[in-house]
Each structure stands twice: as C-alpha cells, then as structure tokens.
PDB file of N, CA and C in Angstrom:
ATOM      1  N   MET A   1     106.353  82.653  89.148  1.00  0.00           N
ATOM      2  CA  MET A   1     107.235  83.733  89.898  1.00  0.00           C
ATOM      3  C   MET A   1     107.698  84.288  90.086  1.00  0.00           C
ATOM      4  N   ARG A   2     109.015  84.687  88.966  1.00  0.00           N
ATOM      5  CA  ARG A   2     109.822  85.533  88.505  1.00  0.00           C
ATOM      6  C   ARG A   2     109.238  85.964  88.465  1.00  0.00           C
ATOM      7  N   ARG A   3     108.324  86.460  87.097  1.00  0.00           N
ATOM      8  CA  ARG A   3     107.441  87.081  87.209  1.00  0.00           C
ATOM      9  C   ARG A   3     107.014  88.088  88.238  1.00  0.00           C
ATOM     10  N   ALA A   4     105.945  87.746  89.034  1.00  0.00           N
ATOM     11  CA  ALA A   4     105.682  88.150  89.873  1.00  0.00           C
ATOM     12  C   ALA A   4     106.664  89.190  90.741  1.00  0.00           C
ATOM     13  N   THR A   5     107.456  88.629  91.515  1.00  0.00           N
ATOM     14  CA  THR A   5     109.389  88.828  92.196  1.00  0.00           C
ATOM     15  C   THR A   5     109.422  90.662  91.233  1.00  0.00           C
ATOM     16  N   PHE A   6     109.653  90.353  89.769  1.00  0.00           N
ATOM     17  CA  PHE A   6     110.239  92.002  89.345  1.00  0.00           C
ATOM     18  C   PHE A   6     109.938  92.522  88.786  1.00  0.00           C
ATOM     19  N   PHE A   7     107.633  92.272  88.792  1.00  0.00           N
ATOM     20  CA  PHE A   7     107.083  93.347  88.954  1.00  0.00           C
ATOM     21  C   PHE A   7     106.739  94.220  90.214  1.00  0.00           C
ATOM     22  N   ILE A   8     106.269  93.076  91.268  1.00  0.00           N
ATOM     23  CA  ILE A   8     106.269  93.636  92.383  1.00  0.00           C
ATOM     24  C   ILE A   8     107.552  94.638  93.218  1.00  0.00           C
ATOM     25  N   GLY A   9     108.686  93.645  92.545  1.00  0.00           N
ATOM     26  CA  GLY A   9     109.812  94.878  93.502  1.00  0.00           C
ATOM     27  C   GLY A   9     109.861  96.272  92.460  1.00  0.00           C
ATOM     28  N   LEU A  10     109.446  95.913  91.066  1.00  0.00           N
ATOM     29  CA  LEU A  10     109.978  97.475  89.855  1.00  0.00           C
ATOM     30  C   LEU A  10     109.045  98.163  91.034  1.00  0.00           C
ATOM     31  N   GLU A  11     107.226  97.090  90.863  1.00  0.00           N
ATOM     32  CA  GLU A  11     106.636  98.591  91.354  1.00  0.00           C
ATOM     33  C   GLU A  11     106.867  99.100  92.656  1.00  0.00           C
ATOM     34  N   LEU A  12     107.821  98.798  93.347  1.00  0.00           N
ATOM     35  CA  LEU A  12     108.074  99.402  95.872  1.00  0.00           C
ATOM     36  C   LEU A  12     108.740 100.099  95.122  1.00  0.00           C
ATOM     37  N   ALA A  13     109.927  99.860  94.213  1.00  0.00           N
ATOM     38  CA  ALA A  13     110.781 100.714  93.880  1.00  0.00           C
ATOM     39  C   ALA A  13     110.793 102.187  93.335  1.00  0.00           C
ATOM     40  N   ARG A  14     109.885 101.741  92.452  1.00  0.00           N
ATOM     41  CA  ARG A  14     109.204 103.203  91.506  1.00  0.00           C
ATOM     42  C   ARG A  14     108.363 103.701  93.218  1.00  0.00           C
ATOM     43  N   ALA A  15     107.665 103.174  93.556  1.00  0.00           N
ATOM     44  CA  ALA A  15     106.838 104.120  94.629  1.00  0.00           C
ATOM     45  C   ALA A  15     107.680 104.541  95.543  1.00  0.00           C
ATOM     46  N   LEU A  16     108.609 103.655  95.961  1.00  0.00           N
ATOM     47  CA  LEU A  16     109.662 104.333  96.883  1.00  0.00           C
ATOM     48  C   LEU A  16     110.369 105.573  96.535  1.00  0.00           C
ATOM     49  N   VAL A  17     111.011 105.465  95.422  1.00  0.00           N
ATOM     50  CA  VAL A  17     111.833 106.683  94.887  1.00  0.00           C
ATOM     51  C   VAL A  17     110.799 107.673  94.902  1.00  0.00           C
ATOM     52  N   TYR A  18     109.502 107.727  94.606  1.00  0.00           N
ATOM     53  CA  TYR A  18     108.271 108.690  94.066  1.00  0.00           C
ATOM     54  C   TYR A  18     108.061 109.242  95.667  1.00  0.00           C
ATOM     55  N   ILE A  19     108.034 108.541  96.953  1.00  0.00           N
ATOM     56  CA  ILE A  19     107.873 109.144  98.329  1.00  0.00           C
ATOM     57  C   ILE A  19     108.804 109.675  98.615  1.00  0.00           C
ATOM     58  N   LEU A  20     109.953 109.011  98.431  1.00  0.00           N
ATOM     59  CA  LEU A  20     111.284 109.877  99.287  1.00  0.00           C
ATOM     60  C   LEU A  20     111.380 111.028  98.045  1.00  0.00           C
ATOM     61  N   ARG A  21     111.117 111.625  96.600  1.00  0.00           N
ATOM     62  CA  ARG A  21     111.505 112.833  96.057  1.00  0.00           C
ATOM     63  C   ARG A  21     110.492 113.531  96.517  1.00  0.00           C
ATOM     64  N   LYS A  22     109.149 113.153  96.972  1.00  0.00           N
ATOM     65  CA  LYS A  22     108.388 114.635  97.536  1.00  0.00           C
ATOM     66  C   LYS A  22     108.695 114.625  98.450  1.00  0.00           C
ATOM     67  N   ASP A  23     109.746 113.786  99.473  1.00  0.00           N
ATOM     68  CA  ASP A  23     110.123 113.817 100.884  1.00  0.00           C
ATOM     69  C   ASP A  23     111.090 114.706 101.171  1.00  0.00           C
ATOM     70  N   GLY A  24     111.640 114.908  99.931  1.00  0.00           N
ATOM     71  CA  GLY A  24     112.814 115.692  99.700  1.00  0.00           C
ATOM     72  C   GLY A  24     114.000 115.047 100.095  1.00  0.00           C
ATOM     73  N   LYS A  25     113.913 113.367 100.141  1.00  0.00           N
ATOM     74  CA  LYS A  25     114.995 112.657 100.946  1.00  0.00           C
ATOM     75  C   LYS A  25     115.473 111.706 100.057  1.00  0.00           C
ATOM     76  N   LEU A  26     115.150 111.666  98.542  1.00  0.00           N
ATOM     77  CA  LEU A  26     115.592 110.458  97.509  1.00  0.00           C
ATOM     78  C   LEU A  26     117.189 110.381  97.914  1.00  0.00           C
ATOM     79  N   PHE A  27     118.033 111.459  98.142  1.00  0.00           N
ATOM     80  CA  PHE A  27     119.507 111.573  98.364  1.00  0.00           C
ATOM     81  C   PHE A  27     120.391 111.176  99.588  1.00  0.00           C
ATOM     82  N   ASP A  28     119.557 111.013 100.582  1.00  0.00           N
ATOM     83  CA  ASP A  28     119.918 111.394 101.799  1.00  0.00           C
ATOM     84  C   ASP A  28     120.123 109.419 102.539  1.00  0.00           C
ATOM     85  N   LEU A  29     121.412 109.376 102.032  1.00  0.00           N
ATOM     86  CA  LEU A  29     122.207 108.129 102.412  1.00  0.00           C
ATOM     87  C   LEU A  29     121.692 106.997 104.129  1.00  0.00           C
ATOM     88  N   LYS A  30     121.248 107.670 104.621  1.00  0.00           N
ATOM     89  CA  LYS A  30     121.169 107.719 106.395  1.00  0.00           C
ATOM     90  C   LYS A  30     119.540 107.015 105.619  1.00  0.00           C
ATOM     91  N   ILE A  31     118.459 107.515 105.524  1.00  0.00           N
ATOM     92  CA  ILE A  31     117.273 106.550 105.260  1.00  0.00           C
ATOM     93  C   ILE A  31     117.615 105.320 104.120  1.00  0.00           C
ATOM     94  N   TRP A  32     118.361 105.717 103.527  1.00  0.00           N
ATOM     95  CA  TRP A  32     118.600 104.227 102.433  1.00  0.00           C
ATOM     96  C   TRP A  32     118.722 103.718 103.686  1.00  0.00           C
ATOM     97  N   ARG A  33     120.065 103.769 104.014  1.00  0.00           N
ATOM     98  CA  ARG A  33     120.657 102.631 105.114  1.00  0.00           C
ATOM     99  C   ARG A  33     119.524 101.790 106.201  1.00  0.00           C
ATOM    100  N   LYS A  34     119.076 102.423 106.796  1.00  0.00           N
ATOM    101  CA  LYS A  34     118.038 102.450 107.659  1.00  0.00           C
ATOM    102  C   LYS A  34     116.887 101.279 107.197  1.00  0.00           C
ATOM    103  N   GLY A  35     116.335 102.189 105.271  1.00  0.00           N
ATOM    104  CA  GLY A  35     115.697 101.010 104.877  1.00  0.00           C
ATOM    105  C   GLY A  35     116.073  99.920 104.553  1.00  0.00           C
ATOM    106  N   LEU A  36     117.400  99.681 103.959  1.00  0.00           N
ATOM    107  CA  LEU A  36     117.779  98.680 103.536  1.00  0.00           C
ATOM    108  C   LEU A  36     117.611  97.306 104.885  1.00  0.00           C
ATOM    109  N   ALA A  37     118.304  98.228 106.244  1.00  0.00           N
ATOM    110  CA  ALA A  37     118.861  97.143 107.159  1.00  0.00           C
ATOM    111  C   ALA A  37     116.904  97.014 108.024  1.00  0.00           C
ATOM    112  N   GLY A  38     115.987  97.297 107.711  1.00  0.00           N
ATOM    113  CA  GLY A  38     114.595  97.206 107.687  1.00  0.00           C
ATOM    114  C   GLY A  38     114.291  96.003 107.018  1.00  0.00           C
ATOM    115  N   LEU A  39     114.462  96.392 105.763  1.00  0.00           N
ATOM    116  CA  LEU A  39     114.335  95.072 104.985  1.00  0.00           C
ATOM    117  C   LEU A  39     115.340  93.814 105.209  1.00  0.00           C
ATOM    118  N   PHE A  40     116.572  93.811 105.233  1.00  0.00           N
ATOM    119  CA  PHE A  40     117.118  92.415 104.831  1.00  0.00           C
ATOM    120  C   PHE A  40     118.605  92.687 106.269  1.00  0.00           C
ATOM    121  N   GLY A  41     118.283  93.448 107.432  1.00  0.00           N
ATOM    122  CA  GLY A  41     119.241  92.946 108.470  1.00  0.00           C
ATOM    123  C   GLY A  41     118.061  92.130 109.177  1.00  0.00           C
ATOM    124  N   GLU A  42     119.054  91.496 110.052  1.00  0.00           N
ATOM    125  CA  GLU A  42     119.027  90.544 111.239  1.00  0.00           C
ATOM    126  C   GLU A  42     117.831  90.427 111.399  1.00  0.00           C
ATOM    127  N   GLN A  43     117.122  91.578 112.184  1.00  0.00           N
ATOM    128  CA  GLN A  43     115.941  91.071 112.189  1.00  0.00           C
ATOM    129  C   GLN A  43     114.924  92.049 111.449  1.00  0.00           C
ATOM    130  N   GLY A  44     115.396  92.111 109.501  1.00  0.00           N
ATOM    131  CA  GLY A  44     114.586  92.717 108.976  1.00  0.00           C
ATOM    132  C   GLY A  44     113.013  91.779 108.880  1.00  0.00           C
ATOM    133  N   ALA A  45     112.386  92.844 107.484  1.00  0.00           N
ATOM    134  CA  ALA A  45     111.121  92.145 107.269  1.00  0.00           C
ATOM    135  C   ALA A  45     111.511  90.779 106.367  1.00  0.00           C
ATOM    136  N   PHE A  46     112.286  90.717 105.415  1.00  0.00           N
ATOM    137  CA  PHE A  46     112.576  89.695 104.482  1.00  0.00           C
ATOM    138  C   PHE A  46     114.173  88.576 105.358  1.00  0.00           C
ATOM    139  N   SER A  47     114.520  88.966 106.656  1.00  0.00           N
ATOM    140  CA  SER A  47     115.098  88.275 107.012  1.00  0.00           C
ATOM    141  C   SER A  47     114.499  86.670 106.835  1.00  0.00           C
ATOM    142  N   GLY A  48     114.720  85.536 107.057  1.00  0.00           N
ATOM    143  CA  GLY A  48     114.234  84.562 107.021  1.00  0.00           C
ATOM    144  C   GLY A  48     113.360  83.673 106.161  1.00  0.00           C
ATOM    145  N   GLY A  49     113.399  84.345 105.066  1.00  0.00           N
ATOM    146  CA  GLY A  49     112.456  84.451 103.846  1.00  0.00           C
ATOM    147  C   GLY A  49     112.505  83.937 102.942  1.00  0.00           C
ATOM    148  N   LEU A  50     114.748  83.954 103.226  1.00  0.00           N
ATOM    149  CA  LEU A  50     114.991  83.186 101.498  1.00  0.00           C
ATOM    150  C   LEU A  50     115.102  82.187 100.955  1.00  0.00           C
ATOM    151  N   ALA A  51     114.852  81.489 102.498  1.00  0.00           N
ATOM    152  CA  ALA A  51     114.948  79.694 101.887  1.00  0.00           C
ATOM    153  C   ALA A  51     113.187  79.256 101.574  1.00  0.00           C
ATOM    154  N   PRO A  52     112.565  79.867 102.134  1.00  0.00           N
ATOM    155  CA  PRO A  52     111.214  79.349 101.370  1.00  0.00           C
ATOM    156  C   PRO A  52     110.833  80.158 100.310  1.00  0.00           C
ATOM    157  N   TYR A  53     111.373  81.012  99.638  1.00  0.00           N
ATOM    158  CA  TYR A  53     110.992  81.537  98.804  1.00  0.00           C
ATOM    159  C   TYR A  53     112.015  80.946  97.420  1.00  0.00           C
ATOM    160  N   LYS A  54     112.930  80.487  98.093  1.00  0.00           N
ATOM    161  CA  LYS A  54     113.951  79.787  97.063  1.00  0.00           C
ATOM    162  C   LYS A  54     112.870  77.960  97.077  1.00  0.00           C
ATOM    163  N   GLU A  55     112.485  77.924  97.686  1.00  0.00           N
ATOM    164  CA  GLU A  55     111.941  76.511  97.261  1.00  0.00           C
ATOM    165  C   GLU A  55     111.027  76.379  96.161  1.00  0.00           C
ATOM    166  N   PHE A  56     110.837  77.335  95.984  1.00  0.00           N
ATOM    167  CA  PHE A  56     109.646  77.679  94.547  1.00  0.00           C
ATOM    168  C   PHE A  56     110.432  77.310  93.408  1.00  0.00           C
ATOM    169  N   TYR A  57     111.600  77.553  93.218  1.00  0.00           N
ATOM    170  CA  TYR A  57     112.124  77.326  92.455  1.00  0.00           C
ATOM    171  C   TYR A  57     112.596  76.128  91.855  1.00  0.00           C
ATOM    172  N   THR A  58     112.512  74.716  92.830  1.00  0.00           N
ATOM    173  CA  THR A  58     112.814  73.565  92.652  1.00  0.00           C
ATOM    174  C   THR A  58     112.027  72.496  91.949  1.00  0.00           C
ATOM    175  N   GLU A  59     112.291  71.863  91.596  1.00  0.00           N
ATOM    176  CA  GLU A  59     111.861  70.985  90.518  1.00  0.00           C
ATOM    177  C   GLU A  59     110.539  70.289  90.829  1.00  0.00           C
ATOM    178  N   GLY A  60     109.737  70.381  90.408  1.00  0.00           N
ATOM    179  CA  GLY A  60     107.968  70.147  91.346  1.00  0.00           C
ATOM    180  C   GLY A  60     107.454  70.487  91.947  1.00  0.00           C
ATOM    181  N   PHE A  61     107.790  71.804  92.485  1.00  0.00           N
ATOM    182  CA  PHE A  61     107.082  72.439  93.922  1.00  0.00           C
ATOM    183  C   PHE A  61     105.508  72.275  93.804  1.00  0.00           C
ATOM    184  N   HIS A  62     105.306  72.654  94.935  1.00  0.00           N
ATOM    185  CA  HIS A  62     103.834  72.761  95.222  1.00  0.00           C
ATOM    186  C   HIS A  62     103.614  73.805  96.483  1.00  0.00           C
ATOM    187  N   PRO A  63     103.522  74.558  96.494  1.00  0.00           N
ATOM    188  CA  PRO A  63     103.297  75.376  97.972  1.00  0.00           C
ATOM    189  C   PRO A  63     102.251  74.362  98.912  1.00  0.00           C
ATOM    190  N   TRP A  64     101.206  73.303  98.316  1.00  0.00           N
ATOM    191  CA  TRP A  64     100.668  72.329  99.022  1.00  0.00           C
ATOM    192  C   TRP A  64     101.815  71.645  99.884  1.00  0.00           C
ATOM    193  N   GLN A  65     102.850  70.928  99.663  1.00  0.00           N
ATOM    194  CA  GLN A  65     103.847  70.368  99.903  1.00  0.00           C
ATOM    195  C   GLN A  65     105.008  70.979 101.654  1.00  0.00           C
ATOM    196  N   GLN A  66     104.205  72.278 101.150  1.00  0.00           N
ATOM    197  CA  GLN A  66     104.369  72.911 102.627  1.00  0.00           C
ATOM    198  C   GLN A  66     103.604  72.852 103.864  1.00  0.00           C
ATOM    199  N   ASP A  67     104.605  72.471 104.980  1.00  0.00           N
ATOM    200  CA  ASP A  67     103.380  72.027 106.368  1.00  0.00           C
ATOM    201  C   ASP A  67     102.959  73.693 106.590  1.00  0.00           C
ATOM    202  N   THR A  68     101.903  74.056 106.637  1.00  0.00           N
ATOM    203  CA  THR A  68     101.472  75.540 107.647  1.00  0.00           C
ATOM    204  C   THR A  68     100.190  75.079 108.299  1.00  0.00           C
ATOM    205  N   GLN A  69     100.456  73.881 108.891  1.00  0.00           N
ATOM    206  CA  GLN A  69      99.276  73.807 109.498  1.00  0.00           C
ATOM    207  C   GLN A  69      99.220  74.520 110.907  1.00  0.00           C
ATOM    208  N   HIS A  70     100.307  75.132 111.276  1.00  0.00           N
ATOM    209  CA  HIS A  70     100.940  76.173 112.718  1.00  0.00           C
ATOM    210  C   HIS A  70     100.411  77.253 112.556  1.00  0.00           C
ATOM    211  N   LEU A  71     100.424  78.270 110.910  1.00  0.00           N
ATOM    212  CA  LEU A  71      99.581  79.217 110.936  1.00  0.00           C
ATOM    213  C   LEU A  71      98.324  79.173 110.912  1.00  0.00           C
ATOM    214  N   LEU A  72      97.721  77.814 110.876  1.00  0.00           N
ATOM    215  CA  LEU A  72      96.073  77.677 111.206  1.00  0.00           C
ATOM    216  C   LEU A  72      95.845  77.990 111.997  1.00  0.00           C
ATOM    217  N   THR A  73      96.611  76.916 112.779  1.00  0.00           N
ATOM    218  CA  THR A  73      96.445  76.704 114.397  1.00  0.00           C
ATOM    219  C   THR A  73      96.255  78.298 115.281  1.00  0.00           C
ATOM    220  N   GLU A  74      97.465  79.197 115.077  1.00  0.00           N
ATOM    221  CA  GLU A  74      98.058  80.991 115.488  1.00  0.00           C
ATOM    222  C   GLU A  74      96.448  81.343 114.908  1.00  0.00           C
ATOM    223  N   TRP A  75      95.948  81.533 113.117  1.00  0.00           N
ATOM    224  CA  TRP A  75      95.171  82.341 113.227  1.00  0.00           C
ATOM    225  C   TRP A  75      94.016  81.598 113.583  1.00  0.00           C
ATOM    226  N   ALA A  76      93.669  80.788 114.026  1.00  0.00           N
ATOM    227  CA  ALA A  76      92.231  80.650 114.146  1.00  0.00           C
ATOM    228  C   ALA A  76      92.144  81.000 116.220  1.00  0.00           C
ATOM    229  N   SER A  77      93.711  80.443 117.163  1.00  0.00           N
ATOM    230  CA  SER A  77      93.460  80.634 118.189  1.00  0.00           C
ATOM    231  C   SER A  77      93.422  82.505 119.054  1.00  0.00           C
ATOM    232  N   ALA A  78      94.176  83.279 117.351  1.00  0.00           N
ATOM    233  CA  ALA A  78      93.649  84.387 117.574  1.00  0.00           C
ATOM    234  C   ALA A  78      92.271  85.119 117.253  1.00  0.00           C
ATOM    235  N   GLU A  79      92.086  84.721 116.718  1.00  0.00           N
ATOM    236  CA  GLU A  79      90.564  84.995 116.213  1.00  0.00           C
ATOM    237  C   GLU A  79      88.940  84.440 117.357  1.00  0.00           C
ATOM    238  N   GLY A  80      90.041  83.370 118.665  1.00  0.00           N
ATOM    239  CA  GLY A  80      88.978  82.738 118.819  1.00  0.00           C
ATOM    240  C   GLY A  80      88.084  81.876 118.671  1.00  0.00           C
ATOM    241  N   THR A  81      88.284  80.630 117.408  1.00  0.00           N
ATOM    242  CA  THR A  81      87.821  79.845 116.766  1.00  0.00           C
ATOM    243  C   THR A  81      88.377  79.036 117.026  1.00  0.00           C
ATOM    244  N   GLU A  82      87.772  77.577 117.114  1.00  0.00           N
ATOM    245  CA  GLU A  82      87.762  76.334 116.462  1.00  0.00           C
ATOM    246  C   GLU A  82      89.038  75.539 115.740  1.00  0.00           C
ATOM    247  N   PHE A  83      89.684  75.344 115.251  1.00  0.00           N
ATOM    248  CA  PHE A  83      90.128  74.591 114.427  1.00  0.00           C
ATOM    249  C   PHE A  83      90.160  73.116 113.871  1.00  0.00           C
ATOM    250  N   ALA A  84      89.620  72.599 113.336  1.00  0.00           N
ATOM    251  CA  ALA A  84      90.324  71.356 113.786  1.00  0.00           C
ATOM    252  C   ALA A  84      91.185  70.874 112.725  1.00  0.00           C
TER     253      ALA A  84
END
C-alpha cells in the first residue's frame, strides 16, 4: 500500500505539473489553492478518506474486514439489479 500510494502520488503530481505548465498556469497560486481545497478541503475528494486509508496499516488488517454491503446494495439499486 505504501508503494502504491507513493507511485500513484508521484505520477499524479508529474501529470499535474505537465498540464499546468502546458496551460501556462504552473505558478498561478490561485489555481493551486483551489486545487488543494478541491482535494483536501471540507468537501474535497479526499475528505473523510483518511481513516479507512489508515486502517490498511494496522497489524493484521485485511480489506474483507470492512463491511461494504451498503456499497453493493447501492450499486445494485442504481443498476436496477436485485442483490441478495
């Protein structure tokens, strides 16, 4: 998990710098502020995700220990499928 987090973060940062440089906005602090708020702010993409992420680092953790039944139910109702 640590390795995946590192390399995904590295690739995302590399792509972000590339895109901002191409758009001429690499040093636009307003863009960076809005972007960071969009990721880590109160309503950001990563808000609320820290606790489940940290669980991966606890001794003896396995993802099947998390109850995700509600996700299956939501998916099935969105697809119009019955899920038992």
